[in-house]
Amino acid sequence: MITELIPQAVDEVLARAASWLGWDGRPVYRDGNAWTPHKAIRRVADHLVDHLAEIDCRLAGLPTIPDEWHGRTVTTHADFAHFTEVDLDEARSRLTRLAACYRARLLALDPEALDRKTDDAWSLRAVVEHVSNITYYARMLDGTD
């Protein structure tokens, strides 16, 4: 069910993140980028926020605001910080709240609204299916694609 795609993806990300406690501080190089626990969580959160804003703007009939982030191509100094239990707790709180926002928003939409396409944009269903691939960021650290 479309309303569960994001919560399920967040659950997978957080399950993988639990294995990052005690990370040795060395980035993993995969798919052309350096990956750290904080970078993976940052990218998941950024992706969730970006597309939630897109969905809300589209539903309100407002223009979407393009992001100007550098995305996965940039690894910041903060990304190299130790990943601790507190970081995992904060990620859990932040990401599960974002997943709940997606679920609430999607529950309020009928199938017609989910599948409606505009001139140059994906349907909202396609956006959500795309966002559910946030697990990619977490998989970069453990070497599974």
Protein backbone atom coordinates (compact mmCIF):
# COMPACT_ATOMS: atom_id res chain seq x y z
CA MET A 1 0.00 0.00 0.00
CA ILE A 2 1.37 3.41 -0.99
CA THR A 3 0.84 4.86 2.51
CA GLU A 4 3.28 2.33 3.97
CA LEU A 5 6.16 2.68 1.49
CA ILE A 6 7.94 5.50 3.32
CA PRO A 7 7.45 4.12 6.86
CA GLN A 8 8.79 0.75 5.67
CA ALA A 9 11.79 2.39 4.00
CA VAL A 10 12.52 4.41 7.14
CA ASP A 11 12.31 1.23 9.23
CA GLU A 12 14.91 -0.39 6.98
CA VAL A 13 17.21 2.64 7.15
CA LEU A 14 17.00 2.71 10.95
CA ALA A 15 17.60 -1.03 11.23
CA ARG A 16 20.77 -0.63 9.17
CA ALA A 17 21.78 2.48 11.12
CA ALA A 18 21.75 0.49 14.36
CA SER A 19 24.71 -1.47 12.98
CA TRP A 20 26.71 1.74 12.50
CA LEU A 21 27.28 2.30 16.22
CA GLY A 22 30.99 2.04 16.82
CA TRP A 23 31.77 3.02 13.22
CA ASP A 24 35.56 3.15 12.79
CA GLY A 25 35.63 6.62 11.22
CA ARG A 26 36.69 5.50 7.76
CA PRO A 27 34.34 6.39 4.91
CA VAL A 28 33.10 3.70 2.58
CA TYR A 29 33.64 4.49 -1.10
CA ARG A 30 30.77 3.26 -3.25
CA ASP A 31 28.96 4.44 -6.32
CA GLY A 32 31.40 7.31 -6.84
CA ASN A 33 31.01 8.86 -3.39
CA ALA A 34 32.36 8.68 0.14
CA TRP A 35 29.77 7.44 2.64
CA THR A 36 29.61 7.82 6.42
CA PRO A 37 26.74 7.15 8.84
CA HIS A 38 25.96 10.84 9.26
CA LYS A 39 26.01 11.42 5.50
CA ALA A 40 23.60 8.54 4.92
CA ILE A 41 21.17 9.85 7.56
CA ARG A 42 21.54 13.41 6.24
CA ARG A 43 20.74 12.28 2.70
CA VAL A 44 17.72 10.27 3.86
CA ALA A 45 16.35 13.24 5.81
CA ASP A 46 17.09 15.70 2.98
CA HIS A 47 15.36 13.49 0.44
CA LEU A 48 12.31 13.08 2.66
CA VAL A 49 12.08 16.83 3.31
CA ASP A 50 12.60 17.78 -0.35
CA HIS A 51 9.84 15.58 -1.67
CA LEU A 52 7.43 16.24 1.19
CA ALA A 53 7.76 19.94 0.36
CA GLU A 54 7.21 19.12 -3.31
CA ILE A 55 4.05 17.14 -2.52
CA ASP A 56 2.65 19.83 -0.23
CA CYS A 57 3.34 22.63 -2.73
CA ARG A 58 1.77 20.69 -5.57
CA LEU A 59 -1.33 19.88 -3.53
CA ALA A 60 -1.67 23.55 -2.59
CA GLY A 61 -1.27 24.62 -6.21
CA LEU A 62 1.98 26.42 -5.45
CA PRO A 63 5.19 26.22 -7.45
CA THR A 64 7.69 23.78 -6.04
CA ILE A 65 10.95 25.12 -4.66
CA PRO A 66 13.97 23.51 -6.29
CA ASP A 67 16.65 22.34 -3.92
CA GLU A 68 20.13 23.79 -4.19
CA TRP A 69 21.88 21.15 -2.13
CA HIS A 70 24.85 19.30 -3.49
CA GLY A 71 23.31 15.99 -2.46
CA ARG A 72 25.41 12.89 -2.24
CA THR A 73 28.34 14.41 -4.11
CA VAL A 74 29.43 16.32 -1.01
CA THR A 75 30.74 14.87 2.23
CA THR A 76 30.90 17.52 4.96
CA HIS A 77 33.22 17.67 7.94
CA ALA A 78 30.20 16.98 10.15
CA ASP A 79 29.59 13.75 8.25
CA PHE A 80 32.81 12.35 9.75
CA ALA A 81 31.62 12.65 13.37
CA HIS A 82 31.31 9.50 15.47
CA PHE A 83 27.89 7.87 15.17
CA THR A 84 26.61 7.28 18.69
CA GLU A 85 23.49 6.00 20.41
CA VAL A 86 22.29 9.59 20.72
CA ASP A 87 22.72 10.09 16.97
CA LEU A 88 20.70 6.95 16.31
CA ASP A 89 17.97 8.12 18.72
CA GLU A 90 17.82 11.52 17.00
CA ALA A 91 17.71 9.90 13.57
CA ARG A 92 14.92 7.60 14.75
CA SER A 93 12.91 10.53 16.07
CA ARG A 94 13.46 12.70 13.01
CA LEU A 95 12.92 10.04 10.35
CA THR A 96 9.90 8.37 11.94
CA ARG A 97 8.21 11.78 12.25
CA LEU A 98 8.87 12.48 8.60
CA ALA A 99 7.51 9.04 7.69
CA ALA A 100 4.38 9.81 9.74
CA CYS A 101 3.94 13.06 7.79
CA TYR A 102 4.07 11.14 4.51
CA ARG A 103 1.59 8.58 5.81
CA ALA A 104 -0.83 11.26 7.04
CA ARG A 105 -0.59 13.22 3.79
CA LEU A 106 -1.09 10.13 1.62
CA LEU A 107 -4.03 8.81 3.66
CA ALA A 108 -5.87 12.04 2.85
CA LEU A 109 -5.49 11.55 -0.92
CA ASP A 110 -7.74 9.55 -3.20
CA PRO A 111 -6.24 7.35 -5.95
CA GLU A 112 -7.09 9.94 -8.61
CA ALA A 113 -5.02 12.59 -6.83
CA LEU A 114 -2.15 10.13 -6.39
CA ASP A 115 -2.09 9.21 -10.07
CA ARG A 116 -2.75 12.63 -11.61
CA LYS A 117 0.13 13.81 -13.78
CA THR A 118 0.99 17.37 -14.61
CA ASP A 119 2.84 18.56 -17.67
CA ASP A 120 6.39 17.98 -16.55
CA ALA A 121 6.11 16.27 -13.17
CA TRP A 122 5.70 12.73 -11.95
CA SER A 123 2.43 11.67 -10.39
CA LEU A 124 2.44 11.87 -6.60
CA ARG A 125 2.42 8.07 -6.50
CA ALA A 126 5.60 8.03 -8.62
CA VAL A 127 7.19 10.62 -6.31
CA VAL A 128 6.46 8.45 -3.26
CA GLU A 129 7.75 5.33 -5.00
CA HIS A 130 10.93 7.26 -5.84
CA VAL A 131 11.32 8.50 -2.26
CA SER A 132 10.95 4.98 -0.91
CA ASN A 133 14.36 4.30 -2.46
CA ILE A 134 15.98 6.22 0.42
CA THR A 135 17.22 2.82 1.52
CA TYR A 136 19.91 3.27 -1.14
CA TYR A 137 21.78 5.68 1.14
CA ALA A 138 21.85 3.22 4.03
CA ARG A 139 22.88 0.33 1.79
CA MET A 140 25.95 2.25 0.66
CA LEU A 141 27.54 1.68 4.07
CA ASP A 142 27.07 -2.06 4.24
CA GLY A 143 27.84 -2.84 0.63
CA THR A 144 24.44 -4.13 -0.45
CA ASP A 145 22.72 -2.69 -3.48
